[in-house]
PDB file of N, CA and C in Angstrom:
ATOM      1  N   MET A   1      27.224   5.522   3.752  1.00  0.00           N
ATOM      2  CA  MET A   1      27.150   4.199   4.334  1.00  0.00           C
ATOM      3  C   MET A   1      27.147   3.168   3.211  1.00  0.00           C
ATOM      4  N   LEU A   2      27.871   2.109   3.408  1.00  0.00           N
ATOM      5  CA  LEU A   2      27.943   1.056   2.413  1.00  0.00           C
ATOM      6  C   LEU A   2      26.684   0.211   2.438  1.00  0.00           C
ATOM      7  N   LYS A   3      26.321  -0.316   1.298  1.00  0.00           N
ATOM      8  CA  LYS A   3      25.187  -1.226   1.233  1.00  0.00           C
ATOM      9  C   LYS A   3      25.523  -2.490   2.008  1.00  0.00           C
ATOM     10  N   ALA A   4      24.512  -3.097   2.579  1.00  0.00           N
ATOM     11  CA  ALA A   4      24.694  -4.292   3.405  1.00  0.00           C
ATOM     12  C   ALA A   4      25.386  -5.413   2.627  1.00  0.00           C
ATOM     13  N   ARG A   5      25.033  -5.564   1.357  1.00  0.00           N
ATOM     14  CA  ARG A   5      25.627  -6.645   0.557  1.00  0.00           C
ATOM     15  C   ARG A   5      27.120  -6.432   0.332  1.00  0.00           C
ATOM     16  N   VAL A   6      27.514  -5.193   0.104  1.00  0.00           N
ATOM     17  CA  VAL A   6      28.931  -4.879  -0.138  1.00  0.00           C
ATOM     18  C   VAL A   6      29.730  -5.167   1.126  1.00  0.00           C
ATOM     19  N   VAL A   7      29.215  -4.730   2.266  1.00  0.00           N
ATOM     20  CA  VAL A   7      29.907  -4.956   3.533  1.00  0.00           C
ATOM     21  C   VAL A   7      30.009  -6.443   3.822  1.00  0.00           C
ATOM     22  N   SER A   8      28.915  -7.181   3.593  1.00  0.00           N
ATOM     23  CA  SER A   8      28.946  -8.612   3.912  1.00  0.00           C
ATOM     24  C   SER A   8      29.924  -9.363   3.008  1.00  0.00           C
ATOM     25  N   ARG A   9      30.025  -8.960   1.739  1.00  0.00           N
ATOM     26  CA  ARG A   9      31.005  -9.609   0.854  1.00  0.00           C
ATOM     27  C   ARG A   9      32.433  -9.346   1.327  1.00  0.00           C
ATOM     28  N   ALA A  10      32.691  -8.105   1.718  1.00  0.00           N
ATOM     29  CA  ALA A  10      34.031  -7.744   2.189  1.00  0.00           C
ATOM     30  C   ALA A  10      34.345  -8.493   3.473  1.00  0.00           C
ATOM     31  N   ALA A  11      33.371  -8.627   4.338  1.00  0.00           N
ATOM     32  CA  ALA A  11      33.587  -9.325   5.602  1.00  0.00           C
ATOM     33  C   ALA A  11      33.842 -10.807   5.368  1.00  0.00           C
ATOM     34  N   ARG A  12      33.105 -11.396   4.426  1.00  0.00           N
ATOM     35  CA  ARG A  12      33.325 -12.815   4.138  1.00  0.00           C
ATOM     36  C   ARG A  12      34.717 -13.032   3.555  1.00  0.00           C
ATOM     37  N   ALA A  13      35.182 -12.079   2.767  1.00  0.00           N
ATOM     38  CA  ALA A  13      36.505 -12.199   2.165  1.00  0.00           C
ATOM     39  C   ALA A  13      37.588 -12.169   3.239  1.00  0.00           C
ATOM     40  N   SER A  14      37.390 -11.371   4.271  1.00  0.00           N
ATOM     41  CA  SER A  14      38.392 -11.299   5.325  1.00  0.00           C
ATOM     42  C   SER A  14      38.194 -12.401   6.359  1.00  0.00           C
ATOM     43  N   GLY A  15      37.053 -13.069   6.315  1.00  0.00           N
ATOM     44  CA  GLY A  15      36.823 -14.194   7.210  1.00  0.00           C
ATOM     45  C   GLY A  15      36.003 -13.849   8.439  1.00  0.00           C
ATOM     46  N   ARG A  16      36.088 -12.630   8.924  1.00  0.00           N
ATOM     47  CA  ARG A  16      35.373 -12.268  10.144  1.00  0.00           C
ATOM     48  C   ARG A  16      34.982 -10.803  10.091  1.00  0.00           C
ATOM     49  N   ARG A  17      33.806 -10.493  10.580  1.00  0.00           N
ATOM     50  CA  ARG A  17      33.343  -9.106  10.566  1.00  0.00           C
ATOM     51  C   ARG A  17      33.763  -8.392  11.841  1.00  0.00           C
ATOM     52  N   SER A  18      34.152  -7.164  11.668  1.00  0.00           N
ATOM     53  CA  SER A  18      34.463  -6.365  12.843  1.00  0.00           C
ATOM     54  C   SER A  18      33.163  -5.782  13.404  1.00  0.00           C
ATOM     55  N   ARG A  19      33.251  -5.243  14.582  1.00  0.00           N
ATOM     56  CA  ARG A  19      32.089  -4.634  15.242  1.00  0.00           C
ATOM     57  C   ARG A  19      31.527  -3.488  14.388  1.00  0.00           C
ATOM     58  N   VAL A  20      32.403  -2.683  13.800  1.00  0.00           N
ATOM     59  CA  VAL A  20      31.976  -1.556  12.961  1.00  0.00           C
ATOM     60  C   VAL A  20      31.265  -2.072  11.713  1.00  0.00           C
ATOM     61  N   GLU A  21      31.803  -3.125  11.111  1.00  0.00           N
ATOM     62  CA  GLU A  21      31.164  -3.696   9.927  1.00  0.00           C
ATOM     63  C   GLU A  21      29.776  -4.228  10.261  1.00  0.00           C
ATOM     64  N   LEU A  22      29.652  -4.913  11.386  1.00  0.00           N
ATOM     65  CA  LEU A  22      28.347  -5.422  11.800  1.00  0.00           C
ATOM     66  C   LEU A  22      27.363  -4.274  12.034  1.00  0.00           C
ATOM     67  N   GLN A  23      27.832  -3.222  12.657  1.00  0.00           N
ATOM     68  CA  GLN A  23      26.979  -2.058  12.892  1.00  0.00           C
ATOM     69  C   GLN A  23      26.513  -1.461  11.563  1.00  0.00           C
ATOM     70  N   ASP A  24      27.436  -1.360  10.598  1.00  0.00           N
ATOM     71  CA  ASP A  24      27.077  -0.836   9.275  1.00  0.00           C
ATOM     72  C   ASP A  24      26.042  -1.719   8.588  1.00  0.00           C
ATOM     73  N   VAL A  25      26.220  -3.035   8.702  1.00  0.00           N
ATOM     74  CA  VAL A  25      25.272  -3.968   8.094  1.00  0.00           C
ATOM     75  C   VAL A  25      23.889  -3.785   8.712  1.00  0.00           C
ATOM     76  N   VAL A  26      23.834  -3.741  10.027  1.00  0.00           N
ATOM     77  CA  VAL A  26      22.552  -3.594  10.725  1.00  0.00           C
ATOM     78  C   VAL A  26      21.908  -2.253  10.369  1.00  0.00           C
ATOM     79  N   GLU A  27      22.677  -1.187  10.387  1.00  0.00           N
ATOM     80  CA  GLU A  27      22.137   0.129  10.045  1.00  0.00           C
ATOM     81  C   GLU A  27      21.649   0.169   8.602  1.00  0.00           C
ATOM     82  N   GLY A  28      22.362  -0.484   7.714  1.00  0.00           N
ATOM     83  CA  GLY A  28      21.936  -0.552   6.307  1.00  0.00           C
ATOM     84  C   GLY A  28      20.619  -1.285   6.160  1.00  0.00           C
ATOM     85  N   GLN A  29      20.482  -2.391   6.880  1.00  0.00           N
ATOM     86  CA  GLN A  29      19.234  -3.152   6.814  1.00  0.00           C
ATOM     87  C   GLN A  29      18.074  -2.348   7.406  1.00  0.00           C
ATOM     88  N   ILE A  30      18.328  -1.652   8.499  1.00  0.00           N
ATOM     89  CA  ILE A  30      17.291  -0.818   9.113  1.00  0.00           C
ATOM     90  C   ILE A  30      16.868   0.289   8.145  1.00  0.00           C
ATOM     91  N   ALA A  31      17.826   0.892   7.469  1.00  0.00           N
ATOM     92  CA  ALA A  31      17.511   1.950   6.499  1.00  0.00           C
ATOM     93  C   ALA A  31      16.652   1.396   5.361  1.00  0.00           C
ATOM     94  N   GLU A  32      16.969   0.193   4.876  1.00  0.00           N
ATOM     95  CA  GLU A  32      16.176  -0.431   3.815  1.00  0.00           C
ATOM     96  C   GLU A  32      14.758  -0.708   4.294  1.00  0.00           C
ATOM     97  N   ILE A  33      14.618  -1.202   5.507  1.00  0.00           N
ATOM     98  CA  ILE A  33      13.294  -1.486   6.074  1.00  0.00           C
ATOM     99  C   ILE A  33      12.495  -0.187   6.202  1.00  0.00           C
ATOM    100  N   CYS A  34      13.144   0.881   6.656  1.00  0.00           N
ATOM    101  CA  CYS A  34      12.457   2.176   6.786  1.00  0.00           C
ATOM    102  C   CYS A  34      11.972   2.676   5.433  1.00  0.00           C
ATOM    103  N   ARG A  35      12.785   2.523   4.401  1.00  0.00           N
ATOM    104  CA  ARG A  35      12.364   2.928   3.055  1.00  0.00           C
ATOM    105  C   ARG A  35      11.173   2.096   2.590  1.00  0.00           C
ATOM    106  N   ASP A  36      11.251   0.789   2.828  1.00  0.00           N
ATOM    107  CA  ASP A  36      10.143  -0.097   2.441  1.00  0.00           C
ATOM    108  C   ASP A  36       8.855   0.282   3.177  1.00  0.00           C
ATOM    109  N   LEU A  37       8.964   0.563   4.465  1.00  0.00           N
ATOM    110  CA  LEU A  37       7.783   0.960   5.245  1.00  0.00           C
ATOM    111  C   LEU A  37       7.206   2.275   4.753  1.00  0.00           C
ATOM    112  N   ALA A  38       8.059   3.206   4.389  1.00  0.00           N
ATOM    113  CA  ALA A  38       7.584   4.491   3.864  1.00  0.00           C
ATOM    114  C   ALA A  38       6.816   4.290   2.559  1.00  0.00           C
ATOM    115  N   LEU A  39       7.337   3.420   1.702  1.00  0.00           N
ATOM    116  CA  LEU A  39       6.644   3.126   0.444  1.00  0.00           C
ATOM    117  C   LEU A  39       5.297   2.459   0.704  1.00  0.00           C
ATOM    118  N   GLU A  40       5.266   1.515   1.638  1.00  0.00           N
ATOM    119  CA  GLU A  40       4.019   0.820   1.966  1.00  0.00           C
ATOM    120  C   GLU A  40       3.002   1.788   2.563  1.00  0.00           C
ATOM    121  N   ALA A  41       3.453   2.696   3.416  1.00  0.00           N
ATOM    122  CA  ALA A  41       2.545   3.687   4.016  1.00  0.00           C
ATOM    123  C   ALA A  41       1.961   4.591   2.926  1.00  0.00           C
ATOM    124  N   LYS A  42       2.799   4.992   1.963  1.00  0.00           N
ATOM    125  CA  LYS A  42       2.320   5.820   0.864  1.00  0.00           C
ATOM    126  C   LYS A  42       1.276   5.066   0.055  1.00  0.00           C
ATOM    127  N   ARG A  43       1.540   3.806  -0.212  1.00  0.00           N
ATOM    128  CA  ARG A  43       0.589   2.980  -0.980  1.00  0.00           C
ATOM    129  C   ARG A  43      -0.722   2.807  -0.215  1.00  0.00           C
ATOM    130  N   MET A  44      -0.639   2.639   1.092  1.00  0.00           N
ATOM    131  CA  MET A  44      -1.854   2.499   1.897  1.00  0.00           C
ATOM    132  C   MET A  44      -2.678   3.783   1.862  1.00  0.00           C
ATOM    133  N   ARG A  45      -2.011   4.936   1.893  1.00  0.00           N
ATOM    134  CA  ARG A  45      -2.733   6.211   1.789  1.00  0.00           C
ATOM    135  C   ARG A  45      -3.437   6.323   0.434  1.00  0.00           C
ATOM    136  N   GLN A  46      -2.746   5.912  -0.631  1.00  0.00           N
ATOM    137  CA  GLN A  46      -3.350   5.946  -1.960  1.00  0.00           C
ATOM    138  C   GLN A  46      -4.568   5.029  -2.029  1.00  0.00           C
ATOM    139  N   LEU A  47      -4.446   3.836  -1.454  1.00  0.00           N
ATOM    140  CA  LEU A  47      -5.575   2.903  -1.447  1.00  0.00           C
ATOM    141  C   LEU A  47      -6.745   3.461  -0.642  1.00  0.00           C
ATOM    142  N   GLN A  48      -6.455   4.117   0.479  1.00  0.00           N
ATOM    143  CA  GLN A  48      -7.508   4.711   1.292  1.00  0.00           C
ATOM    144  C   GLN A  48      -8.242   5.803   0.518  1.00  0.00           C
ATOM    145  N   GLU A  49      -7.491   6.606  -0.241  1.00  0.00           N
ATOM    146  CA  GLU A  49      -8.116   7.639  -1.067  1.00  0.00           C
ATOM    147  C   GLU A  49      -9.022   7.016  -2.125  1.00  0.00           C
ATOM    148  N   GLN A  50      -8.562   5.915  -2.723  1.00  0.00           N
ATOM    149  CA  GLN A  50      -9.379   5.241  -3.730  1.00  0.00           C
ATOM    150  C   GLN A  50     -10.651   4.673  -3.103  1.00  0.00           C
ATOM    151  N   VAL A  51     -10.534   4.109  -1.916  1.00  0.00           N
ATOM    152  CA  VAL A  51     -11.708   3.575  -1.214  1.00  0.00           C
ATOM    153  C   VAL A  51     -12.690   4.706  -0.919  1.00  0.00           C
ATOM    154  N   ASP A  52     -12.192   5.836  -0.450  1.00  0.00           N
ATOM    155  CA  ASP A  52     -13.057   6.979  -0.153  1.00  0.00           C
ATOM    156  C   ASP A  52     -13.784   7.461  -1.412  1.00  0.00           C
ATOM    157  N   GLN A  53     -13.062   7.519  -2.523  1.00  0.00           N
ATOM    158  CA  GLN A  53     -13.684   7.932  -3.784  1.00  0.00           C
ATOM    159  C   GLN A  53     -14.755   6.934  -4.209  1.00  0.00           C
ATOM    160  N   LEU A  54     -14.466   5.661  -4.056  1.00  0.00           N
ATOM    161  CA  LEU A  54     -15.429   4.620  -4.422  1.00  0.00           C
ATOM    162  C   LEU A  54     -16.672   4.703  -3.543  1.00  0.00           C
ATOM    163  N   ARG A  55     -16.486   4.953  -2.254  1.00  0.00           N
ATOM    164  CA  ARG A  55     -17.637   5.115  -1.356  1.00  0.00           C
ATOM    165  C   ARG A  55     -18.525   6.270  -1.818  1.00  0.00           C
ATOM    166  N   THR A  56     -17.901   7.376  -2.207  1.00  0.00           N
ATOM    167  CA  THR A  56     -18.655   8.536  -2.680  1.00  0.00           C
ATOM    168  C   THR A  56     -19.462   8.176  -3.920  1.00  0.00           C
ATOM    169  N   VAL A  57     -18.840   7.490  -4.865  1.00  0.00           N
ATOM    170  CA  VAL A  57     -19.531   7.093  -6.095  1.00  0.00           C
ATOM    171  C   VAL A  57     -20.689   6.154  -5.776  1.00  0.00           C
ATOM    172  N   ILE A  58     -20.477   5.209  -4.875  1.00  0.00           N
ATOM    173  CA  ILE A  58     -21.533   4.256  -4.513  1.00  0.00           C
ATOM    174  C   ILE A  58     -22.698   4.981  -3.844  1.00  0.00           C
ATOM    175  N   ARG A  59     -22.401   5.940  -2.964  1.00  0.00           N
ATOM    176  CA  ARG A  59     -23.470   6.720  -2.313  1.00  0.00           C
ATOM    177  C   ARG A  59     -24.284   7.495  -3.356  1.00  0.00           C
ATOM    178  N   GLU A  60     -23.581   8.125  -4.305  1.00  0.00           N
ATOM    179  CA  GLU A  60     -24.273   8.874  -5.359  1.00  0.00           C
ATOM    180  C   GLU A  60     -25.139   7.944  -6.197  1.00  0.00           C
ATOM    181  N   TRP A  61     -24.611   6.788  -6.516  1.00  0.00           N
ATOM    182  CA  TRP A  61     -25.338   5.798  -7.318  1.00  0.00           C
ATOM    183  C   TRP A  61     -26.574   5.325  -6.559  1.00  0.00           C
ATOM    184  N   GLY A  62     -26.392   5.073  -5.257  1.00  0.00           N
ATOM    185  CA  GLY A  62     -27.522   4.658  -4.425  1.00  0.00           C
ATOM    186  C   GLY A  62     -28.579   5.735  -4.330  1.00  0.00           C
ATOM    187  N   ALA A  63     -28.175   6.983  -4.219  1.00  0.00           N
ATOM    188  CA  ALA A  63     -29.117   8.090  -4.146  1.00  0.00           C
ATOM    189  C   ALA A  63     -29.891   8.223  -5.456  1.00  0.00           C
ATOM    190  N   GLN A  64     -29.217   8.021  -6.571  1.00  0.00           N
ATOM    191  CA  GLN A  64     -29.887   8.080  -7.868  1.00  0.00           C
ATOM    192  C   GLN A  64     -30.884   6.937  -8.006  1.00  0.00           C
ATOM    193  N   SER A  65     -30.514   5.751  -7.521  1.00  0.00           N
ATOM    194  CA  SER A  65     -31.406   4.595  -7.592  1.00  0.00           C
ATOM    195  C   SER A  65     -32.649   4.829  -6.757  1.00  0.00           C
ATOM    196  N   GLU A  66     -32.477   5.407  -5.567  1.00  0.00           N
ATOM    197  CA  GLU A  66     -33.622   5.687  -4.702  1.00  0.00           C
ATOM    198  C   GLU A  66     -34.520   6.736  -5.324  1.00  0.00           C
ATOM    199  N   ALA A  67     -33.949   7.739  -5.939  1.00  0.00           N
ATOM    200  CA  ALA A  67     -34.736   8.799  -6.578  1.00  0.00           C
ATOM    201  C   ALA A  67     -35.511   8.238  -7.762  1.00  0.00           C
ATOM    202  N   GLY A  68     -34.951   7.295  -8.466  1.00  0.00           N
ATOM    203  CA  GLY A  68     -35.600   6.693  -9.625  1.00  0.00           C
ATOM    204  C   GLY A  68     -36.619   5.639  -9.248  1.00  0.00           C
ATOM    205  N   SER A  69     -36.647   5.211  -7.990  1.00  0.00           N
ATOM    206  CA  SER A  69     -37.566   4.151  -7.578  1.00  0.00           C
ATOM    207  C   SER A  69     -38.907   4.699  -7.115  1.00  0.00           C
ATOM    208  N   ASP A  70     -39.168   5.986  -7.336  1.00  0.00           N
ATOM    209  CA  ASP A  70     -40.461   6.572  -6.982  1.00  0.00           C
ATOM    210  C   ASP A  70     -41.563   6.016  -7.873  1.00  0.00           C
ATOM    211  N   HIS A  71     -41.185   5.538  -9.034  1.00  0.00           N
ATOM    212  CA  HIS A  71     -42.162   4.979  -9.958  1.00  0.00           C
ATOM    213  C   HIS A  71     -42.569   3.584  -9.509  1.00  0.00           C
ATOM    214  N   GLU A  72     -43.734   3.156  -9.959  1.00  0.00           N
ATOM    215  CA  GLU A  72     -44.172   1.803  -9.643  1.00  0.00           C
ATOM    216  C   GLU A  72     -43.295   0.830 -10.415  1.00  0.00           C
ATOM    217  N   PRO A  73     -43.012  -0.320  -9.846  1.00  0.00           N
ATOM    218  CA  PRO A  73     -42.191  -1.299 -10.562  1.00  0.00           C
ATOM    219  C   PRO A  73     -42.920  -1.827 -11.801  1.00  0.00           C
ATOM    220  N   ILE A  74     -42.137  -2.134 -12.800  1.00  0.00           N
ATOM    221  CA  ILE A  74     -42.695  -2.664 -14.039  1.00  0.00           C
ATOM    222  C   ILE A  74     -42.681  -4.186 -13.945  1.00  0.00           C
ATOM    223  N   ASN A  75     -43.828  -4.818 -14.294  1.00  0.00           N
ATOM    224  CA  ASN A  75     -43.854  -6.287 -14.249  1.00  0.00           C
ATOM    225  C   ASN A  75     -43.293  -6.843 -15.547  1.00  0.00           C
ATOM    226  N   ARG A  76     -43.296  -8.152 -15.675  1.00  0.00           N
ATOM    227  CA  ARG A  76     -42.672  -8.785 -16.845  1.00  0.00           C
ATOM    228  C   ARG A  76     -43.355  -8.417 -18.151  1.00  0.00           C
ATOM    229  N   GLY A  77     -44.616  -8.138 -18.087  1.00  0.00           N
ATOM    230  CA  GLY A  77     -45.344  -7.796 -19.320  1.00  0.00           C
ATOM    231  C   GLY A  77     -45.128  -6.362 -19.739  1.00  0.00           C
ATOM    232  N   GLY A  78     -44.413  -5.598 -18.943  1.00  0.00           N
ATOM    233  CA  GLY A  78     -44.138  -4.213 -19.286  1.00  0.00           C
ATOM    234  C   GLY A  78     -45.226  -3.285 -18.777  1.00  0.00           C
ATOM    235  N   ARG A  79     -46.211  -3.832 -18.053  1.00  0.00           N
ATOM    236  CA  ARG A  79     -47.287  -2.997 -17.526  1.00  0.00           C
ATOM    237  C   ARG A  79     -47.042  -2.694 -16.080  1.00  0.00           C
ATOM    238  N   ARG A  80     -47.600  -1.587 -15.613  1.00  0.00           N
ATOM    239  CA  ARG A  80     -47.453  -1.204 -14.213  1.00  0.00           C
ATOM    240  C   ARG A  80     -48.640  -1.628 -13.425  1.00  0.00           C
TER     241      ARG A  80
END
């Protein structure tokens, strides 16, 4: 299938697009959109994985903070 830009240039040169040329242009644009959507979906999956990893790290950090807070708080003078 020809790229949409190539078909449109050829059609402009002849002055008018045929039905087949228009169909090729539309199909080419749809194919480009599908590729773009596939890339965006892949990127969204990657971002979701990163968010999940970050949540895990934050939970671990929070658990460590809670475990370390068993001690009495230290005041400004360094005394408990």
